Protein backbone atom coordinates (compact mmCIF):
# COMPACT_ATOMS: atom_id res chain seq x y z
CA UNK A 1 0.00 0.00 0.00
CA UNK A 2 1.68 3.17 -1.22
CA UNK A 3 0.88 6.27 0.82
CA UNK A 4 1.82 9.78 -0.20
CA UNK A 5 2.38 12.48 2.38
CA UNK A 6 0.17 15.54 2.47
CA UNK A 7 2.60 18.40 2.02
CA UNK A 8 2.79 22.15 1.90
CA UNK A 9 5.51 24.20 0.28
CA UNK A 10 8.81 25.46 1.62
CA UNK A 11 10.62 28.42 0.05
CA UNK A 12 9.72 30.87 -2.71
CA UNK A 13 10.26 31.14 -6.45
CA UNK A 14 12.55 28.44 -7.86
CA UNK A 15 13.40 27.31 -4.33
CA UNK A 16 9.89 26.01 -3.58
CA UNK A 17 9.77 22.41 -2.37
CA UNK A 18 7.36 20.18 -0.49
CA UNK A 19 7.32 20.40 3.31
CA UNK A 20 5.61 18.48 6.09
CA UNK A 21 4.60 19.78 9.51
CA UNK A 22 7.76 18.25 10.98
CA UNK A 23 9.93 20.39 8.72
CA UNK A 24 7.95 23.42 9.87
CA UNK A 25 9.98 23.16 13.10
CA UNK A 26 12.65 25.11 11.22
CA UNK A 27 10.36 28.00 10.43
CA UNK A 28 10.74 30.88 12.82
CA UNK A 29 13.32 30.57 15.59
CA UNK A 30 14.36 27.05 16.59
CA UNK A 31 17.62 27.08 18.53
CA UNK A 32 17.77 24.39 21.25
CA UNK A 33 17.46 26.77 24.19
CA UNK A 34 14.16 27.99 22.78
CA UNK A 35 12.71 24.48 23.01
CA UNK A 36 13.95 24.14 26.57
CA UNK A 37 12.35 27.47 27.50
CA UNK A 38 9.21 26.51 25.61
CA UNK A 39 8.94 23.24 27.53
CA UNK A 40 9.35 25.08 30.84
CA UNK A 41 6.52 27.45 29.93
CA UNK A 42 4.25 24.63 28.76
CA UNK A 43 4.90 22.39 31.78
CA UNK A 44 4.41 25.30 34.18
CA UNK A 45 1.09 26.19 32.57
CA UNK A 46 -0.02 22.55 32.55
CA UNK A 47 1.27 21.17 35.85
CA UNK A 48 1.26 24.25 38.08
CA UNK A 49 -1.44 26.62 36.80
CA UNK A 50 -3.58 23.75 35.51
CA UNK A 51 -3.33 21.85 38.78
CA UNK A 52 -4.35 25.01 40.61
CA UNK A 53 -7.45 25.23 38.42
CA UNK A 54 -8.34 21.60 39.23
CA UNK A 55 -7.93 22.23 42.96
CA UNK A 56 -10.18 25.27 42.62
CA UNK A 57 -12.89 23.03 41.15
CA UNK A 58 -12.70 20.81 44.23
CA UNK A 59 -12.84 23.80 46.59
CA UNK A 60 -15.89 25.22 44.83
CA UNK A 61 -17.53 21.80 44.73
CA UNK A 62 -17.21 21.19 48.46
CA UNK A 63 -17.09 24.58 50.23
CA UNK A 64 -18.10 23.09 53.58
CA UNK A 65 -15.09 20.75 53.77
CA UNK A 66 -11.67 21.65 55.14
CA UNK A 67 -10.01 18.68 53.44
CA UNK A 68 -9.95 18.40 49.66
CA UNK A 69 -11.77 15.23 48.67
CA UNK A 70 -12.27 14.34 45.01
CA UNK A 71 -14.63 11.48 45.88
CA UNK A 72 -17.39 13.75 47.21
CA UNK A 73 -17.71 15.60 43.91
CA UNK A 74 -20.61 14.93 41.56
CA UNK A 75 -19.94 13.65 37.99
CA UNK A 76 -19.94 17.18 36.54
CA UNK A 77 -17.39 18.37 39.08
CA UNK A 78 -15.23 15.26 38.63
CA UNK A 79 -15.19 15.86 34.90
CA UNK A 80 -14.23 19.50 35.35
CA UNK A 81 -11.56 18.54 37.88
CA UNK A 82 -9.82 16.39 35.25
CA UNK A 83 -10.33 18.85 32.38
CA UNK A 84 -9.80 22.20 34.10
CA UNK A 85 -6.06 22.25 33.47
CA UNK A 86 -6.18 21.71 29.71
CA UNK A 87 -7.11 25.28 28.67
CA UNK A 88 -3.98 26.42 30.53
CA UNK A 89 -1.97 23.60 28.96
CA UNK A 90 -3.17 24.84 25.56
CA UNK A 91 -2.29 28.43 26.44
CA UNK A 92 1.23 27.32 27.36
CA UNK A 93 1.68 25.59 23.99
CA UNK A 94 0.40 28.63 22.08
CA UNK A 95 2.62 31.02 24.04
CA UNK A 96 5.71 28.86 23.45
CA UNK A 97 5.14 28.58 19.70
CA UNK A 98 4.13 32.17 19.01
CA UNK A 99 6.40 34.09 21.39
CA UNK A 100 9.41 31.82 21.79
CA UNK A 101 9.59 30.26 18.33
CA UNK A 102 7.93 33.13 16.46
CA UNK A 103 5.86 30.96 14.16
CA UNK A 104 2.18 30.30 13.64
CA UNK A 105 0.55 27.68 15.95
CA UNK A 106 -0.96 26.09 12.84
CA UNK A 107 2.51 24.74 12.03
CA UNK A 108 2.02 22.24 14.89
CA UNK A 109 -0.67 20.67 12.71
CA UNK A 110 0.25 21.22 9.09
CA UNK A 111 2.71 22.91 6.76
CA UNK A 112 -0.17 24.03 4.59
CA UNK A 113 -1.98 27.33 4.74
CA UNK A 114 -5.23 25.84 6.03
CA UNK A 115 -6.30 22.93 8.18
CA UNK A 116 -8.10 20.14 6.35
CA UNK A 117 -11.23 19.72 8.48
CA UNK A 118 -12.18 16.96 6.07
CA UNK A 119 -9.11 14.96 7.08
CA UNK A 120 -9.84 15.53 10.78
CA UNK A 121 -13.35 14.22 10.18
CA UNK A 122 -11.92 11.21 8.39
CA UNK A 123 -9.75 10.46 11.40
CA UNK A 124 -12.80 10.68 13.62
CA UNK A 125 -14.76 8.21 11.50
CA UNK A 126 -11.80 5.88 10.88
CA UNK A 127 -11.29 5.34 14.61
CA UNK A 128 -14.95 5.48 15.67
CA UNK A 129 -15.94 2.50 13.53
CA UNK A 130 -13.54 -0.10 15.00
CA UNK A 131 -13.75 1.42 18.49
CA UNK A 132 -17.55 1.04 18.58
CA UNK A 133 -17.77 -2.32 16.81
CA UNK A 134 -14.86 -4.05 18.53
CA UNK A 135 -14.11 -2.12 21.68
CA UNK A 136 -17.69 -1.58 22.85
CA UNK A 137 -20.04 -3.94 21.01
CA UNK A 138 -17.52 -6.78 21.28
CA UNK A 139 -17.15 -6.32 25.02
CA UNK A 140 -20.93 -6.28 25.39
CA UNK A 141 -21.22 -9.60 23.54
CA UNK A 142 -18.46 -11.24 25.58
CA UNK A 143 -19.19 -9.58 28.95
CA UNK A 144 -22.85 -8.48 28.94
CA UNK A 145 -23.07 -8.50 32.75
CA UNK A 146 -20.61 -5.60 32.94
CA UNK A 147 -22.98 -3.19 31.11
CA UNK A 148 -25.64 -1.13 32.85
CA UNK A 149 -27.94 1.52 31.41
CA UNK A 150 -28.51 4.62 33.54
CA UNK A 151 -29.88 7.43 31.44
CA UNK A 152 -30.96 10.77 32.90
CA UNK A 153 -32.04 12.92 29.95
CA UNK A 154 -31.90 16.26 31.78
CA UNK A 155 -28.43 15.62 33.21
CA UNK A 156 -27.13 14.24 29.93
CA UNK A 157 -28.44 17.20 27.93
CA UNK A 158 -26.58 19.60 30.21
CA UNK A 159 -23.44 17.49 30.09
CA UNK A 160 -23.19 17.12 26.27
CA UNK A 161 -22.01 20.67 25.41
CA UNK A 162 -19.59 20.64 28.35
CA UNK A 163 -18.15 17.30 27.26
CA UNK A 164 -17.80 18.31 23.61
CA UNK A 165 -15.98 21.58 24.37
CA UNK A 166 -13.60 20.31 27.04
CA UNK A 167 -12.85 17.02 25.29
CA UNK A 168 -12.02 18.88 22.09
CA UNK A 169 -9.68 21.15 24.05
CA UNK A 170 -8.08 18.19 25.82
CA UNK A 171 -7.46 15.99 22.79
CA UNK A 172 -6.37 18.83 20.51
CA UNK A 173 -3.97 20.17 23.14
CA UNK A 174 -2.39 16.75 23.60
CA UNK A 175 -1.97 16.44 19.84
CA UNK A 176 -0.42 19.90 19.54
CA UNK A 177 2.04 19.07 22.30
CA UNK A 178 2.90 15.36 21.97
CA UNK A 179 2.46 14.88 18.21
CA UNK A 180 3.36 18.45 17.29
CA UNK A 181 5.77 20.23 19.60
CA UNK A 182 7.61 17.15 20.90
CA UNK A 183 8.01 15.57 17.46
CA UNK A 184 9.16 18.85 15.92
CA UNK A 185 11.67 19.43 18.71
CA UNK A 186 12.99 15.86 18.46
CA UNK A 187 13.37 16.26 14.68
CA UNK A 188 16.06 18.87 15.30
CA UNK A 189 18.07 16.11 16.96
CA UNK A 190 17.35 13.37 14.40
CA UNK A 191 14.72 13.39 11.67
CA UNK A 192 14.52 9.57 11.46
CA UNK A 193 10.82 8.59 11.52
CA UNK A 194 11.32 5.58 13.78
CA UNK A 195 13.12 7.76 16.31
CA UNK A 196 10.42 10.44 16.19
CA UNK A 197 7.61 7.89 16.58
CA UNK A 198 9.29 6.23 19.57
CA UNK A 199 10.03 9.55 21.28
CA UNK A 200 6.41 10.69 20.92
CA UNK A 201 5.09 7.31 22.11
CA UNK A 202 7.27 7.28 25.22
CA UNK A 203 6.60 10.91 26.13
CA UNK A 204 2.85 10.43 25.62
CA UNK A 205 2.82 7.30 27.77
CA UNK A 206 4.68 8.73 30.78
CA UNK A 207 2.03 11.16 32.14
CA UNK A 208 -0.71 8.59 31.51
CA UNK A 209 0.96 6.11 33.87
CA UNK A 210 -0.87 7.88 36.69
CA UNK A 211 -4.29 6.98 35.26
CA UNK A 212 -6.31 4.49 37.35
CA UNK A 213 -6.72 2.24 34.30
CA UNK A 214 -3.04 1.40 34.61
CA UNK A 215 -3.58 -0.08 38.07
CA UNK A 216 -6.48 -2.16 36.77
CA UNK A 217 -4.86 -3.38 33.55
CA UNK A 218 -1.15 -3.30 34.34
CA UNK A 219 1.57 -3.27 31.69
CA UNK A 220 -0.81 -4.65 29.05
CA UNK A 221 -3.00 -1.56 29.30
CA UNK A 222 0.03 0.73 29.31
CA UNK A 223 1.33 -0.87 26.11
CA UNK A 224 -1.93 -1.16 24.17
CA UNK A 225 -3.93 1.87 25.35
CA UNK A 226 -1.17 4.45 25.64
CA UNK A 227 2.08 3.42 23.96
CA UNK A 228 0.82 1.49 20.92
CA UNK A 229 -2.21 3.44 19.69
CA UNK A 230 -2.26 7.05 20.89
CA UNK A 231 1.51 7.14 21.23
CA UNK A 232 2.94 5.14 18.35
CA UNK A 233 0.17 4.57 15.78
CA UNK A 234 -1.10 8.13 15.62
CA UNK A 235 2.44 9.48 15.42
CA UNK A 236 3.23 7.13 12.54
CA UNK A 237 0.16 8.21 10.55
CA UNK A 238 1.02 11.86 11.28
CA UNK A 239 4.51 11.34 9.87
CA UNK A 240 3.03 9.55 6.85
CA UNK A 241 0.39 12.23 6.25
CA UNK A 242 2.73 15.10 6.93
CA UNK A 243 0.07 16.58 9.24
CA UNK A 244 -1.48 15.76 12.61
CA UNK A 245 -5.03 16.18 11.26
CA UNK A 246 -5.84 12.48 11.14
CA UNK A 247 -4.56 11.98 14.69
CA UNK A 248 -6.59 14.94 15.99
CA UNK A 249 -9.80 13.41 14.66
CA UNK A 250 -8.97 9.91 15.89
CA UNK A 251 -7.98 11.13 19.35
CA UNK A 252 -11.22 13.08 19.76
CA UNK A 253 -13.24 10.05 18.65
CA UNK A 254 -11.40 7.83 21.13
CA UNK A 255 -12.00 10.10 24.11
CA UNK A 256 -15.47 11.45 23.41
CA UNK A 257 -16.89 7.93 23.16
CA UNK A 258 -15.64 6.94 26.61
CA UNK A 259 -16.77 10.28 28.06
CA UNK A 260 -20.11 10.88 26.42
CA UNK A 261 -21.47 7.38 25.79
CA UNK A 262 -19.64 4.66 27.72
CA UNK A 263 -18.00 5.28 31.05
CA UNK A 264 -15.84 2.66 32.73
CA UNK A 265 -16.09 2.47 36.52
CA UNK A 266 -12.83 3.60 38.10
CA UNK A 267 -11.52 5.31 34.95
CA UNK A 268 -9.67 8.62 34.97
CA UNK A 269 -12.81 10.54 34.03
CA UNK A 270 -16.18 9.96 35.69
CA UNK A 271 -19.15 11.14 33.61
CA UNK A 272 -22.96 10.78 33.50
CA UNK A 273 -22.76 8.64 30.36
CA UNK A 274 -25.85 6.56 29.45
CA UNK A 275 -23.90 3.29 29.65
CA UNK A 276 -21.59 2.25 32.47
CA UNK A 277 -19.07 -0.58 32.16
CA UNK A 278 -18.45 -1.97 35.64
CA UNK A 279 -15.28 -3.91 34.88
CA UNK A 280 -12.40 -3.33 32.49
CA UNK A 281 -10.93 -6.46 30.90
CA UNK A 282 -7.33 -5.63 30.01
CA UNK A 283 -6.70 -8.70 27.85
CA UNK A 284 -9.78 -8.11 25.72
CA UNK A 285 -8.91 -4.41 25.53
CA UNK A 286 -5.43 -5.20 24.21
CA UNK A 287 -6.73 -7.72 21.67
CA UNK A 288 -9.41 -5.31 20.45
CA UNK A 289 -6.75 -2.66 19.88
CA UNK A 290 -4.72 -5.06 17.72
CA UNK A 291 -7.81 -5.76 15.61
CA UNK A 292 -8.82 -2.09 15.46
CA UNK A 293 -5.47 -0.89 14.09
CA UNK A 294 -5.67 -2.48 10.60
CA UNK A 295 -9.35 -1.50 10.30
CA UNK A 296 -8.45 2.10 11.17
CA UNK A 297 -5.64 2.14 8.60
CA UNK A 298 -7.83 0.57 5.93
CA UNK A 299 -10.56 3.19 6.43
CA UNK A 300 -8.09 6.08 6.66
CA UNK A 301 -6.08 5.15 3.56
CA UNK A 302 -8.33 2.99 1.39
CA UNK A 303 -11.86 4.28 2.01
CA UNK A 304 -10.83 7.93 2.31
CA UNK A 305 -8.57 9.78 -0.09
CA UNK A 306 -5.97 12.44 0.65
CA UNK A 307 -6.53 16.10 -0.01
CA UNK A 308 -4.27 17.82 -2.50
CA UNK A 309 -1.53 20.07 -1.15
CA UNK A 310 -2.76 23.62 -0.71
CA UNK A 311 -1.17 26.98 -1.38
CA UNK A 312 2.23 27.96 0.08
CA UNK A 313 2.13 28.65 3.77
CA UNK A 314 2.93 31.63 5.94
CA UNK A 315 5.02 34.28 4.21
CA UNK A 316 6.25 31.86 1.60
CA UNK A 317 7.29 29.32 4.24
CA UNK A 318 10.81 30.66 4.58
CA UNK A 319 13.32 28.97 6.82
CA UNK A 320 13.62 31.02 10.00
CA UNK A 321 16.61 32.08 12.03
CA UNK A 322 17.88 30.04 14.87
């Protein structure tokens, strides 16, 4: 299966050549110390300011308590507790790219002038199909006793817009950082695709080791649910495509399903989803991922077709100064 990268253009006049989003790391200012400073800004915004926002959610949710207790929060407050830090995480990424590297934030996604919303939608569909058929329907067929239906229309209606907005912020921010900023920074060290994919997979996996699903599923969950798919697979397709558009759509599909429709008891995010899965089966989860991967690739690259490269990007896409 031959796959062509979606590319923009680099240079002007007779010097124009194709460019991917990874090569856009050399647009603007890209000396090593800038990436170090950028990481400090991003991590401060995410881990310090973002954590403060999450703590504030707990304080507001239980004003009569002197001890912070996540367990006493209702599903809305638990959801906001987990998601409250991501707008600040996103702000940190945008500040680092625009002020430290002096380039457009869009270069974290594509080297083209515009985002292909069509490709993002394709990523959403390509992952939703196997995730629903294998990950959810399959588990219901094998473990029907683990499914319960608890639907409160009024609560769900209020939760839907909140879930859509915050999940979009969360998944997009993670893509901009892990698939965009980290991969672009690593490419300045070595542009080898295997190296870039492994770096992104490892860096993506590390903060997710604190998720409660890891305790329930062990190393198998770590490998299949964090390293293999979100970490490795979506980085590989981003390097193939030359953009992170496909990964952005797939990541949103992956998270919004578990947040809005099916919630696993004891997972990192507790939501008022219509269906609750009382027990997570790590072995089945890992096997379903292995089956879902080729289906996802087949839909993304056989059913859907690539967009053509668009017009030259920002200011002719000139190489920036270090």
